[in-house]
Amino acid sequence: MPGNPSEREFKPLKIAVMTVSDSRTQDTDKSGDTLVKLLTDAGHALAEKRIVPDDIYQIRAATSQWIADDTINAVITT
């Protein structure tokens, strides 16, 4: 069956990961690290990983930068 997912060509994505937190650091960001591991283990590429304070304007700014970047295919937040 041509629509079978196992017969489709895998296309790796370039994914940006954002952790929204006022308390996490690069050393303590377990959820962000887990997402990076899962996406790279699945064959995708990490575009960027960033920790952003829980502030709507900073979240919007970071997300807007990634959306405007033609090389980034997806954004995951945690």
N, C-alpha and C. Protein backbone atom coordinates (compact mmCIF):
# COMPACT_ATOMS: atom_id res chain seq x y z
N MET A 1 0.85 -1.17 0.00
CA MET A 1 0.00 0.00 0.00
C MET A 1 0.90 1.24 0.00
N PRO A 2 0.79 2.13 -1.00
CA PRO A 2 1.68 3.28 -1.11
C PRO A 2 1.53 4.29 0.03
N GLY A 3 0.40 4.34 0.69
CA GLY A 3 0.21 5.29 1.78
C GLY A 3 0.72 4.80 3.12
N ASN A 4 1.28 3.62 3.13
CA ASN A 4 1.79 3.02 4.36
C ASN A 4 2.97 3.84 4.87
N PRO A 5 2.93 4.29 6.14
CA PRO A 5 4.02 5.12 6.67
C PRO A 5 5.39 4.46 6.57
N SER A 6 5.46 3.13 6.63
CA SER A 6 6.76 2.46 6.54
C SER A 6 7.37 2.55 5.15
N GLU A 7 6.58 2.90 4.14
CA GLU A 7 7.07 3.02 2.78
C GLU A 7 7.42 4.45 2.40
N ARG A 8 7.13 5.41 3.27
CA ARG A 8 7.41 6.81 2.98
C ARG A 8 8.88 7.13 3.25
N GLU A 9 9.42 8.06 2.49
CA GLU A 9 10.80 8.50 2.69
C GLU A 9 10.89 9.36 3.95
N PHE A 10 11.86 9.06 4.79
CA PHE A 10 12.07 9.86 5.99
C PHE A 10 12.72 11.18 5.62
N LYS A 11 12.16 12.27 6.11
CA LYS A 11 12.71 13.59 5.87
C LYS A 11 13.02 14.22 7.23
N PRO A 12 14.29 14.29 7.59
CA PRO A 12 14.64 14.87 8.88
C PRO A 12 14.29 16.36 8.94
N LEU A 13 13.84 16.79 10.09
CA LEU A 13 13.49 18.18 10.31
C LEU A 13 14.57 18.86 11.13
N LYS A 14 14.66 20.16 10.99
CA LYS A 14 15.53 20.97 11.83
C LYS A 14 14.61 21.63 12.86
N ILE A 15 14.80 21.27 14.14
CA ILE A 15 13.85 21.61 15.19
C ILE A 15 14.50 22.49 16.26
N ALA A 16 13.79 23.53 16.67
CA ALA A 16 14.23 24.39 17.77
C ALA A 16 13.45 24.00 19.02
N VAL A 17 14.15 23.96 20.17
CA VAL A 17 13.54 23.58 21.44
C VAL A 17 13.64 24.74 22.41
N MET A 18 12.49 25.13 22.97
CA MET A 18 12.44 26.22 23.94
C MET A 18 11.90 25.72 25.27
N THR A 19 12.66 25.94 26.33
CA THR A 19 12.18 25.68 27.68
C THR A 19 11.77 27.02 28.28
N VAL A 20 10.53 27.12 28.72
CA VAL A 20 10.04 28.33 29.36
C VAL A 20 10.15 28.13 30.87
N SER A 21 11.03 28.90 31.49
CA SER A 21 11.25 28.73 32.93
C SER A 21 12.00 29.92 33.51
N ASP A 22 11.65 30.27 34.73
CA ASP A 22 12.38 31.29 35.46
C ASP A 22 13.47 30.68 36.33
N SER A 23 13.48 29.36 36.45
CA SER A 23 14.42 28.73 37.37
C SER A 23 15.40 27.76 36.72
N ARG A 24 15.13 27.31 35.53
CA ARG A 24 16.01 26.33 34.88
C ARG A 24 17.25 27.00 34.31
N THR A 25 18.34 26.22 34.29
CA THR A 25 19.58 26.62 33.63
C THR A 25 19.92 25.53 32.63
N GLN A 26 20.97 25.74 31.84
CA GLN A 26 21.39 24.70 30.89
C GLN A 26 21.72 23.40 31.63
N ASP A 27 22.23 23.51 32.85
CA ASP A 27 22.60 22.32 33.62
C ASP A 27 21.41 21.60 34.24
N THR A 28 20.30 22.31 34.48
CA THR A 28 19.15 21.70 35.16
C THR A 28 17.93 21.52 34.27
N ASP A 29 18.08 21.78 32.99
CA ASP A 29 16.95 21.70 32.05
C ASP A 29 16.77 20.27 31.55
N LYS A 30 16.22 19.40 32.40
CA LYS A 30 16.05 18.00 32.03
C LYS A 30 15.03 17.80 30.93
N SER A 31 13.93 18.56 30.94
CA SER A 31 12.91 18.37 29.91
C SER A 31 13.42 18.80 28.54
N GLY A 32 14.14 19.90 28.48
CA GLY A 32 14.73 20.33 27.21
C GLY A 32 15.75 19.33 26.70
N ASP A 33 16.59 18.83 27.61
CA ASP A 33 17.59 17.83 27.22
C ASP A 33 16.93 16.55 26.72
N THR A 34 15.83 16.15 27.37
CA THR A 34 15.10 14.96 26.93
C THR A 34 14.54 15.15 25.52
N LEU A 35 13.96 16.30 25.26
CA LEU A 35 13.42 16.58 23.92
C LEU A 35 14.53 16.54 22.87
N VAL A 36 15.67 17.14 23.18
CA VAL A 36 16.79 17.14 22.24
C VAL A 36 17.24 15.71 21.96
N LYS A 37 17.36 14.90 23.00
CA LYS A 37 17.78 13.51 22.82
C LYS A 37 16.78 12.74 21.96
N LEU A 38 15.49 12.90 22.25
CA LEU A 38 14.47 12.19 21.49
C LEU A 38 14.46 12.60 20.03
N LEU A 39 14.57 13.89 19.76
CA LEU A 39 14.50 14.32 18.36
C LEU A 39 15.75 13.93 17.59
N THR A 40 16.92 14.00 18.22
CA THR A 40 18.15 13.59 17.52
C THR A 40 18.21 12.08 17.36
N ASP A 41 17.75 11.33 18.36
CA ASP A 41 17.70 9.87 18.24
C ASP A 41 16.77 9.44 17.11
N ALA A 42 15.74 10.24 16.84
CA ALA A 42 14.80 9.94 15.77
C ALA A 42 15.32 10.35 14.40
N GLY A 43 16.51 10.99 14.37
CA GLY A 43 17.10 11.35 13.09
C GLY A 43 16.91 12.80 12.68
N HIS A 44 16.33 13.60 13.56
CA HIS A 44 16.14 15.01 13.26
C HIS A 44 17.35 15.81 13.75
N ALA A 45 17.43 17.07 13.37
CA ALA A 45 18.55 17.93 13.76
C ALA A 45 18.07 19.02 14.70
N LEU A 46 18.89 19.32 15.68
CA LEU A 46 18.59 20.43 16.59
C LEU A 46 19.03 21.73 15.95
N ALA A 47 18.10 22.65 15.77
CA ALA A 47 18.43 23.97 15.22
C ALA A 47 19.01 24.84 16.33
N GLU A 48 18.34 24.83 17.48
CA GLU A 48 18.78 25.62 18.63
C GLU A 48 17.98 25.19 19.84
N LYS A 49 18.61 25.27 21.00
CA LYS A 49 17.92 25.02 22.27
C LYS A 49 18.11 26.27 23.11
N ARG A 50 17.01 26.76 23.65
CA ARG A 50 17.06 28.01 24.39
C ARG A 50 16.15 27.94 25.62
N ILE A 51 16.62 28.54 26.72
CA ILE A 51 15.80 28.70 27.91
C ILE A 51 15.34 30.15 27.95
N VAL A 52 14.03 30.33 28.03
CA VAL A 52 13.45 31.67 27.99
C VAL A 52 12.66 31.89 29.29
N PRO A 53 12.83 33.05 29.93
CA PRO A 53 12.04 33.33 31.14
C PRO A 53 10.54 33.31 30.84
N ASP A 54 9.77 33.04 31.86
CA ASP A 54 8.31 32.97 31.72
C ASP A 54 7.75 34.38 31.59
N ASP A 55 7.99 34.97 30.44
CA ASP A 55 7.57 36.33 30.13
C ASP A 55 7.04 36.33 28.70
N ILE A 56 5.79 36.69 28.52
CA ILE A 56 5.14 36.59 27.22
C ILE A 56 5.92 37.29 26.11
N TYR A 57 6.53 38.42 26.40
CA TYR A 57 7.25 39.18 25.38
C TYR A 57 8.54 38.48 24.96
N GLN A 58 9.23 37.89 25.91
CA GLN A 58 10.45 37.15 25.56
C GLN A 58 10.14 35.85 24.84
N ILE A 59 9.04 35.21 25.23
CA ILE A 59 8.61 33.99 24.54
C ILE A 59 8.24 34.32 23.10
N ARG A 60 7.47 35.38 22.92
CA ARG A 60 7.07 35.81 21.57
C ARG A 60 8.28 36.18 20.72
N ALA A 61 9.23 36.88 21.31
CA ALA A 61 10.41 37.31 20.55
C ALA A 61 11.21 36.10 20.06
N ALA A 62 11.45 35.15 20.95
CA ALA A 62 12.23 33.97 20.57
C ALA A 62 11.48 33.15 19.52
N THR A 63 10.18 32.95 19.75
CA THR A 63 9.38 32.18 18.79
C THR A 63 9.33 32.88 17.44
N SER A 64 9.18 34.17 17.44
CA SER A 64 9.14 34.93 16.18
C SER A 64 10.43 34.81 15.40
N GLN A 65 11.56 34.83 16.10
CA GLN A 65 12.86 34.65 15.42
C GLN A 65 12.91 33.30 14.73
N TRP A 66 12.48 32.27 15.42
CA TRP A 66 12.54 30.94 14.84
C TRP A 66 11.55 30.77 13.69
N ILE A 67 10.37 31.35 13.83
CA ILE A 67 9.38 31.25 12.75
C ILE A 67 9.88 31.95 11.49
N ALA A 68 10.60 33.04 11.67
CA ALA A 68 11.11 33.80 10.52
C ALA A 68 12.32 33.13 9.87
N ASP A 69 12.92 32.18 10.54
CA ASP A 69 14.10 31.49 10.03
C ASP A 69 13.68 30.36 9.11
N ASP A 70 13.96 30.50 7.83
CA ASP A 70 13.54 29.51 6.84
C ASP A 70 14.20 28.15 7.03
N THR A 71 15.28 28.08 7.81
CA THR A 71 15.96 26.80 7.99
C THR A 71 15.35 25.98 9.13
N ILE A 72 14.49 26.58 9.94
CA ILE A 72 13.86 25.87 11.05
C ILE A 72 12.48 25.37 10.62
N ASN A 73 12.27 24.05 10.77
CA ASN A 73 11.02 23.43 10.33
C ASN A 73 9.98 23.30 11.42
N ALA A 74 10.42 23.29 12.69
CA ALA A 74 9.48 23.09 13.79
C ALA A 74 10.02 23.71 15.06
N VAL A 75 9.11 24.07 15.96
CA VAL A 75 9.46 24.61 17.26
C VAL A 75 8.71 23.79 18.31
N ILE A 76 9.45 23.32 19.31
CA ILE A 76 8.84 22.58 20.41
C ILE A 76 9.10 23.39 21.69
N THR A 77 8.06 23.55 22.50
CA THR A 77 8.22 24.27 23.75
C THR A 77 7.88 23.33 24.91
N THR A 78 8.53 23.58 26.04
CA THR A 78 8.25 22.82 27.24
C THR A 78 8.32 23.74 28.43
